[in-house]
Each structure stands twice: as structure tokens, then as C-alpha cells.
Amino acid sequence: MSYVNYEAMSDTELRQYFISHREDKVALEAYLDRLSKYPRKVIATVDDPEFDAKIQAAIIQQLQAKKSEGETQS
């Protein structure tokens, strides 16, 4: 078995590697560890009366960010 340097992989590369090598438990741990280091932003709580509107606004914001990211790369 060869050594795999998970630290040298980008987030996307590590995710793709794990998807292709689901039996590699160390890859899963590396991926989950990396994900846990990113801050999570709370958009709304379940009992928030504007829950739906806030979720929809967050989705639109992410879609627009992806779209402008794609335009920048073109």
C-alpha cells in the first residue's frame, strides 16, 4: 500500500479521492477533520418566524456567488 499525502490535497481533491476510495477510513477522517475546521454560519433557528425567507435568501446568495465565481474564471 502506498502513502497518500492528504494534507497536500485541496479540499476538492480530498473529497474526490474519498469518493473514489470509500474503503480508505483515514481519508474519511482527514476529510471530516478538514471540514470541522471551517466555521459554520447560523442562518436561522427552527423557531424563527422568518425561517423560510432567510433560507431562501442564503441559497440565492450562494448561487450568485457561484455564478460570479464562474464568470471570474471564464
PDB file of N, CA and C in Angstrom:
ATOM      1  N   MET A   1       0.846  -1.180   0.000  1.00  0.00           N
ATOM      2  CA  MET A   1       0.000   0.000   0.000  1.00  0.00           C
ATOM      3  C   MET A   1       0.892   1.244   0.000  1.00  0.00           C
ATOM      4  N   SER A   2       0.570   2.201  -0.837  1.00  0.00           N
ATOM      5  CA  SER A   2       1.391   3.409  -0.936  1.00  0.00           C
ATOM      6  C   SER A   2       0.864   4.490   0.004  1.00  0.00           C
ATOM      7  N   TYR A   3       1.765   5.409   0.339  1.00  0.00           N
ATOM      8  CA  TYR A   3       1.432   6.516   1.227  1.00  0.00           C
ATOM      9  C   TYR A   3       0.668   7.582   0.450  1.00  0.00           C
ATOM     10  N   VAL A   4      -0.411   8.086   1.035  1.00  0.00           N
ATOM     11  CA  VAL A   4      -1.198   9.152   0.417  1.00  0.00           C
ATOM     12  C   VAL A   4      -1.080  10.379   1.309  1.00  0.00           C
ATOM     13  N   ASN A   5      -0.660  11.492   0.730  1.00  0.00           N
ATOM     14  CA  ASN A   5      -0.493  12.733   1.477  1.00  0.00           C
ATOM     15  C   ASN A   5      -1.779  13.554   1.376  1.00  0.00           C
ATOM     16  N   TYR A   6      -2.668  13.382   2.354  1.00  0.00           N
ATOM     17  CA  TYR A   6      -3.949  14.075   2.347  1.00  0.00           C
ATOM     18  C   TYR A   6      -3.767  15.576   2.549  1.00  0.00           C
ATOM     19  N   GLU A   7      -2.760  15.955   3.298  1.00  0.00           N
ATOM     20  CA  GLU A   7      -2.516  17.377   3.588  1.00  0.00           C
ATOM     21  C   GLU A   7      -2.173  18.153   2.320  1.00  0.00           C
ATOM     22  N   ALA A   8      -1.540  17.496   1.367  1.00  0.00           N
ATOM     23  CA  ALA A   8      -1.136  18.173   0.133  1.00  0.00           C
ATOM     24  C   ALA A   8      -2.312  18.363  -0.830  1.00  0.00           C
ATOM     25  N   MET A   9      -3.411  17.666  -0.569  1.00  0.00           N
ATOM     26  CA  MET A   9      -4.576  17.749  -1.460  1.00  0.00           C
ATOM     27  C   MET A   9      -5.422  18.969  -1.128  1.00  0.00           C
ATOM     28  N   SER A  10      -6.028  19.532  -2.164  1.00  0.00           N
ATOM     29  CA  SER A  10      -7.002  20.602  -1.943  1.00  0.00           C
ATOM     30  C   SER A  10      -8.269  19.968  -1.368  1.00  0.00           C
ATOM     31  N   ASP A  11      -9.187  20.785  -0.906  1.00  0.00           N
ATOM     32  CA  ASP A  11     -10.448  20.252  -0.381  1.00  0.00           C
ATOM     33  C   ASP A  11     -11.171  19.427  -1.447  1.00  0.00           C
ATOM     34  N   THR A  12     -11.211  19.945  -2.656  1.00  0.00           N
ATOM     35  CA  THR A  12     -11.887  19.250  -3.752  1.00  0.00           C
ATOM     36  C   THR A  12     -11.192  17.940  -4.086  1.00  0.00           C
ATOM     37  N   GLU A  13      -9.866  17.959  -4.125  1.00  0.00           N
ATOM     38  CA  GLU A  13      -9.111  16.735  -4.422  1.00  0.00           C
ATOM     39  C   GLU A  13      -9.327  15.679  -3.338  1.00  0.00           C
ATOM     40  N   LEU A  14      -9.324  16.116  -2.089  1.00  0.00           N
ATOM     41  CA  LEU A  14      -9.527  15.174  -0.987  1.00  0.00           C
ATOM     42  C   LEU A  14     -10.927  14.575  -1.041  1.00  0.00           C
ATOM     43  N   ARG A  15     -11.907  15.403  -1.329  1.00  0.00           N
ATOM     44  CA  ARG A  15     -13.285  14.914  -1.445  1.00  0.00           C
ATOM     45  C   ARG A  15     -13.387  13.896  -2.575  1.00  0.00           C
ATOM     46  N   GLN A  16     -12.820  14.222  -3.740  1.00  0.00           N
ATOM     47  CA  GLN A  16     -12.864  13.304  -4.874  1.00  0.00           C
ATOM     48  C   GLN A  16     -12.109  12.010  -4.568  1.00  0.00           C
ATOM     49  N   TYR A  17     -10.981  12.125  -3.879  1.00  0.00           N
ATOM     50  CA  TYR A  17     -10.215  10.934  -3.511  1.00  0.00           C
ATOM     51  C   TYR A  17     -11.058  10.030  -2.613  1.00  0.00           C
ATOM     52  N   PHE A  18     -11.697  10.621  -1.611  1.00  0.00           N
ATOM     53  CA  PHE A  18     -12.504   9.810  -0.708  1.00  0.00           C
ATOM     54  C   PHE A  18     -13.669   9.149  -1.440  1.00  0.00           C
ATOM     55  N   ILE A  19     -14.310   9.891  -2.342  1.00  0.00           N
ATOM     56  CA  ILE A  19     -15.425   9.311  -3.101  1.00  0.00           C
ATOM     57  C   ILE A  19     -14.949   8.110  -3.922  1.00  0.00           C
ATOM     58  N   SER A  20     -13.749   8.208  -4.459  1.00  0.00           N
ATOM     59  CA  SER A  20     -13.198   7.116  -5.263  1.00  0.00           C
ATOM     60  C   SER A  20     -12.628   5.975  -4.425  1.00  0.00           C
ATOM     61  N   HIS A  21     -12.320   6.245  -3.150  1.00  0.00           N
ATOM     62  CA  HIS A  21     -11.696   5.248  -2.270  1.00  0.00           C
ATOM     63  C   HIS A  21     -12.459   5.178  -0.940  1.00  0.00           C
ATOM     64  N   ARG A  22     -13.714   4.819  -1.025  1.00  0.00           N
ATOM     65  CA  ARG A  22     -14.575   4.814   0.168  1.00  0.00           C
ATOM     66  C   ARG A  22     -14.103   3.859   1.259  1.00  0.00           C
ATOM     67  N   GLU A  23     -13.299   2.896   0.914  1.00  0.00           N
ATOM     68  CA  GLU A  23     -12.789   1.960   1.923  1.00  0.00           C
ATOM     69  C   GLU A  23     -11.653   2.570   2.739  1.00  0.00           C
ATOM     70  N   ASP A  24     -11.124   3.706   2.312  1.00  0.00           N
ATOM     71  CA  ASP A  24      -9.998   4.358   2.990  1.00  0.00           C
ATOM     72  C   ASP A  24     -10.518   5.191   4.169  1.00  0.00           C
ATOM     73  N   LYS A  25     -10.514   4.591   5.338  1.00  0.00           N
ATOM     74  CA  LYS A  25     -11.044   5.252   6.544  1.00  0.00           C
ATOM     75  C   LYS A  25     -10.191   6.449   6.952  1.00  0.00           C
ATOM     76  N   VAL A  26      -8.899   6.403   6.681  1.00  0.00           N
ATOM     77  CA  VAL A  26      -8.016   7.523   7.014  1.00  0.00           C
ATOM     78  C   VAL A  26      -8.374   8.732   6.148  1.00  0.00           C
ATOM     79  N   ALA A  27      -8.736   8.497   4.897  1.00  0.00           N
ATOM     80  CA  ALA A  27      -9.159   9.590   4.015  1.00  0.00           C
ATOM     81  C   ALA A  27     -10.436  10.224   4.545  1.00  0.00           C
ATOM     82  N   LEU A  28     -11.367   9.398   5.011  1.00  0.00           N
ATOM     83  CA  LEU A  28     -12.601   9.922   5.596  1.00  0.00           C
ATOM     84  C   LEU A  28     -12.286  10.792   6.806  1.00  0.00           C
ATOM     85  N   GLU A  29     -11.438  10.311   7.678  1.00  0.00           N
ATOM     86  CA  GLU A  29     -11.065  11.082   8.872  1.00  0.00           C
ATOM     87  C   GLU A  29     -10.401  12.399   8.485  1.00  0.00           C
ATOM     88  N   ALA A  30      -9.523  12.367   7.500  1.00  0.00           N
ATOM     89  CA  ALA A  30      -8.845  13.583   7.051  1.00  0.00           C
ATOM     90  C   ALA A  30      -9.850  14.576   6.486  1.00  0.00           C
ATOM     91  N   TYR A  31     -10.803  14.082   5.713  1.00  0.00           N
ATOM     92  CA  TYR A  31     -11.821  14.947   5.121  1.00  0.00           C
ATOM     93  C   TYR A  31     -12.713  15.558   6.191  1.00  0.00           C
ATOM     94  N   LEU A  32     -13.167  14.756   7.131  1.00  0.00           N
ATOM     95  CA  LEU A  32     -14.030  15.255   8.205  1.00  0.00           C
ATOM     96  C   LEU A  32     -13.284  16.237   9.109  1.00  0.00           C
ATOM     97  N   ASP A  33     -12.017  15.955   9.394  1.00  0.00           N
ATOM     98  CA  ASP A  33     -11.208  16.884  10.185  1.00  0.00           C
ATOM     99  C   ASP A  33     -11.092  18.230   9.485  1.00  0.00           C
ATOM    100  N   ARG A  34     -10.864  18.187   8.189  1.00  0.00           N
ATOM    101  CA  ARG A  34     -10.733  19.425   7.437  1.00  0.00           C
ATOM    102  C   ARG A  34     -12.050  20.207   7.436  1.00  0.00           C
ATOM    103  N   LEU A  35     -13.168  19.511   7.247  1.00  0.00           N
ATOM    104  CA  LEU A  35     -14.462  20.182   7.248  1.00  0.00           C
ATOM    105  C   LEU A  35     -14.774  20.815   8.599  1.00  0.00           C
ATOM    106  N   SER A  36     -14.367  20.161   9.665  1.00  0.00           N
ATOM    107  CA  SER A  36     -14.682  20.672  11.003  1.00  0.00           C
ATOM    108  C   SER A  36     -13.918  21.950  11.326  1.00  0.00           C
ATOM    109  N   LYS A  37     -12.882  22.257  10.574  1.00  0.00           N
ATOM    110  CA  LYS A  37     -12.093  23.471  10.821  1.00  0.00           C
ATOM    111  C   LYS A  37     -12.739  24.723  10.235  1.00  0.00           C
ATOM    112  N   TYR A  38     -13.687  24.531   9.329  1.00  0.00           N
ATOM    113  CA  TYR A  38     -14.366  25.685   8.729  1.00  0.00           C
ATOM    114  C   TYR A  38     -15.481  26.169   9.648  1.00  0.00           C
ATOM    115  N   PRO A  39     -15.589  27.476   9.825  1.00  0.00           N
ATOM    116  CA  PRO A  39     -16.664  27.996  10.665  1.00  0.00           C
ATOM    117  C   PRO A  39     -18.027  27.771   9.999  1.00  0.00           C
ATOM    118  N   ARG A  40     -18.989  27.518  10.810  1.00  0.00           N
ATOM    119  CA  ARG A  40     -20.351  27.326  10.302  1.00  0.00           C
ATOM    120  C   ARG A  40     -21.187  28.543  10.688  1.00  0.00           C
ATOM    121  N   LYS A  41     -21.831  29.114   9.700  1.00  0.00           N
ATOM    122  CA  LYS A  41     -22.642  30.298   9.922  1.00  0.00           C
ATOM    123  C   LYS A  41     -24.092  29.870  10.161  1.00  0.00           C
ATOM    124  N   VAL A  42     -24.685  30.309  11.249  1.00  0.00           N
ATOM    125  CA  VAL A  42     -26.079  30.004  11.547  1.00  0.00           C
ATOM    126  C   VAL A  42     -26.944  31.034  10.824  1.00  0.00           C
ATOM    127  N   ILE A  43     -27.793  30.553   9.938  1.00  0.00           N
ATOM    128  CA  ILE A  43     -28.644  31.429   9.139  1.00  0.00           C
ATOM    129  C   ILE A  43     -29.923  31.754   9.896  1.00  0.00           C
ATOM    130  N   ALA A  44     -30.534  30.730  10.462  1.00  0.00           N
ATOM    131  CA  ALA A  44     -31.798  30.901  11.184  1.00  0.00           C
ATOM    132  C   ALA A  44     -32.002  29.709  12.107  1.00  0.00           C
ATOM    133  N   THR A  45     -32.781  29.911  13.136  1.00  0.00           N
ATOM    134  CA  THR A  45     -33.146  28.805  14.021  1.00  0.00           C
ATOM    135  C   THR A  45     -34.511  28.280  13.591  1.00  0.00           C
ATOM    136  N   VAL A  46     -34.831  27.092  14.001  1.00  0.00           N
ATOM    137  CA  VAL A  46     -36.071  26.440  13.576  1.00  0.00           C
ATOM    138  C   VAL A  46     -37.303  27.236  13.992  1.00  0.00           C
ATOM    139  N   ASP A  47     -37.249  27.858  15.149  1.00  0.00           N
ATOM    140  CA  ASP A  47     -38.422  28.592  15.622  1.00  0.00           C
ATOM    141  C   ASP A  47     -38.475  30.041  15.119  1.00  0.00           C
ATOM    142  N   ASP A  48     -37.587  30.407  14.236  1.00  0.00           N
ATOM    143  CA  ASP A  48     -37.553  31.756  13.666  1.00  0.00           C
ATOM    144  C   ASP A  48     -38.761  31.946  12.746  1.00  0.00           C
ATOM    145  N   PRO A  49     -39.570  32.978  12.975  1.00  0.00           N
ATOM    146  CA  PRO A  49     -40.752  33.179  12.125  1.00  0.00           C
ATOM    147  C   PRO A  49     -40.395  33.477  10.661  1.00  0.00           C
ATOM    148  N   GLU A  50     -39.175  33.908  10.393  1.00  0.00           N
ATOM    149  CA  GLU A  50     -38.751  34.202   9.028  1.00  0.00           C
ATOM    150  C   GLU A  50     -37.781  33.143   8.502  1.00  0.00           C
ATOM    151  N   PHE A  51     -37.905  31.937   9.025  1.00  0.00           N
ATOM    152  CA  PHE A  51     -37.010  30.836   8.661  1.00  0.00           C
ATOM    153  C   PHE A  51     -36.938  30.633   7.151  1.00  0.00           C
ATOM    154  N   ASP A  52     -38.100  30.467   6.497  1.00  0.00           N
ATOM    155  CA  ASP A  52     -38.129  30.200   5.061  1.00  0.00           C
ATOM    156  C   ASP A  52     -37.473  31.313   4.262  1.00  0.00           C
ATOM    157  N   ALA A  53     -37.781  32.542   4.590  1.00  0.00           N
ATOM    158  CA  ALA A  53     -37.218  33.679   3.851  1.00  0.00           C
ATOM    159  C   ALA A  53     -35.702  33.740   4.019  1.00  0.00           C
ATOM    160  N   LYS A  54     -35.212  33.474   5.213  1.00  0.00           N
ATOM    161  CA  LYS A  54     -33.773  33.518   5.462  1.00  0.00           C
ATOM    162  C   LYS A  54     -33.046  32.401   4.728  1.00  0.00           C
ATOM    163  N   ILE A  55     -33.634  31.219   4.706  1.00  0.00           N
ATOM    164  CA  ILE A  55     -33.030  30.091   3.997  1.00  0.00           C
ATOM    165  C   ILE A  55     -33.000  30.374   2.501  1.00  0.00           C
ATOM    166  N   GLN A  56     -34.094  30.875   1.973  1.00  0.00           N
ATOM    167  CA  GLN A  56     -34.145  31.194   0.542  1.00  0.00           C
ATOM    168  C   GLN A  56     -33.134  32.279   0.185  1.00  0.00           C
ATOM    169  N   ALA A  57     -33.003  33.281   1.024  1.00  0.00           N
ATOM    170  CA  ALA A  57     -32.035  34.352   0.778  1.00  0.00           C
ATOM    171  C   ALA A  57     -30.606  33.800   0.793  1.00  0.00           C
ATOM    172  N   ALA A  58     -30.318  32.892   1.710  1.00  0.00           N
ATOM    173  CA  ALA A  58     -28.980  32.296   1.790  1.00  0.00           C
ATOM    174  C   ALA A  58     -28.680  31.455   0.555  1.00  0.00           C
ATOM    175  N   ILE A  59     -29.667  30.725   0.065  1.00  0.00           N
ATOM    176  CA  ILE A  59     -29.485  29.911  -1.136  1.00  0.00           C
ATOM    177  C   ILE A  59     -29.222  30.808  -2.341  1.00  0.00           C
ATOM    178  N   ILE A  60     -29.996  31.856  -2.476  1.00  0.00           N
ATOM    179  CA  ILE A  60     -29.805  32.800  -3.587  1.00  0.00           C
ATOM    180  C   ILE A  60     -28.421  33.429  -3.516  1.00  0.00           C
ATOM    181  N   GLN A  61     -27.994  33.796  -2.325  1.00  0.00           N
ATOM    182  CA  GLN A  61     -26.673  34.402  -2.146  1.00  0.00           C
ATOM    183  C   GLN A  61     -25.574  33.429  -2.586  1.00  0.00           C
ATOM    184  N   GLN A  62     -25.697  32.168  -2.208  1.00  0.00           N
ATOM    185  CA  GLN A  62     -24.692  31.178  -2.604  1.00  0.00           C
ATOM    186  C   GLN A  62     -24.699  30.943  -4.104  1.00  0.00           C
ATOM    187  N   LEU A  63     -25.876  30.896  -4.708  1.00  0.00           N
ATOM    188  CA  LEU A  63     -25.966  30.707  -6.153  1.00  0.00           C
ATOM    189  C   LEU A  63     -25.334  31.882  -6.897  1.00  0.00           C
ATOM    190  N   GLN A  64     -25.578  33.097  -6.416  1.00  0.00           N
ATOM    191  CA  GLN A  64     -24.993  34.274  -7.050  1.00  0.00           C
ATOM    192  C   GLN A  64     -23.474  34.278  -6.889  1.00  0.00           C
ATOM    193  N   ALA A  65     -22.991  33.852  -5.732  1.00  0.00           N
ATOM    194  CA  ALA A  65     -21.548  33.794  -5.511  1.00  0.00           C
ATOM    195  C   ALA A  65     -20.906  32.775  -6.448  1.00  0.00           C
ATOM    196  N   LYS A  66     -21.536  31.617  -6.624  1.00  0.00           N
ATOM    197  CA  LYS A  66     -21.020  30.601  -7.544  1.00  0.00           C
ATOM    198  C   LYS A  66     -21.038  31.115  -8.978  1.00  0.00           C
ATOM    199  N   LYS A  67     -22.117  31.827  -9.337  1.00  0.00           N
ATOM    200  CA  LYS A  67     -22.229  32.347 -10.690  1.00  0.00           C
ATOM    201  C   LYS A  67     -21.138  33.375 -10.958  1.00  0.00           C
ATOM    202  N   SER A  68     -20.923  34.298 -10.033  1.00  0.00           N
ATOM    203  CA  SER A  68     -19.895  35.321 -10.244  1.00  0.00           C
ATOM    204  C   SER A  68     -18.497  34.703 -10.185  1.00  0.00           C
ATOM    205  N   GLU A  69     -18.330  33.644  -9.404  1.00  0.00           N
ATOM    206  CA  GLU A  69     -17.056  32.921  -9.361  1.00  0.00           C
ATOM    207  C   GLU A  69     -16.766  32.281 -10.709  1.00  0.00           C
ATOM    208  N   GLY A  70     -17.803  31.708 -11.307  1.00  0.00           N
ATOM    209  CA  GLY A  70     -17.660  31.096 -12.620  1.00  0.00           C
ATOM    210  C   GLY A  70     -17.373  32.120 -13.694  1.00  0.00           C
ATOM    211  N   GLU A  71     -17.972  33.279 -13.597  1.00  0.00           N
ATOM    212  CA  GLU A  71     -17.728  34.350 -14.568  1.00  0.00           C
ATOM    213  C   GLU A  71     -16.306  34.884 -14.438  1.00  0.00           C
ATOM    214  N   THR A  72     -15.790  34.911 -13.222  1.00  0.00           N
ATOM    215  CA  THR A  72     -14.435  35.393 -12.984  1.00  0.00           C
ATOM    216  C   THR A  72     -13.415  34.439 -13.595  1.00  0.00           C
ATOM    217  N   GLN A  73     -13.703  33.139 -13.529  1.00  0.00           N
ATOM    218  CA  GLN A  73     -12.781  32.131 -14.056  1.00  0.00           C
ATOM    219  C   GLN A  73     -12.827  32.042 -15.571  1.00  0.00           C
ATOM    220  N   SER A  74     -13.883  32.532 -16.188  1.00  0.00           N
ATOM    221  CA  SER A  74     -14.011  32.443 -17.652  1.00  0.00           C
ATOM    222  C   SER A  74     -13.106  33.401 -18.369  1.00  0.00           C
TER     223      SER A  74
END
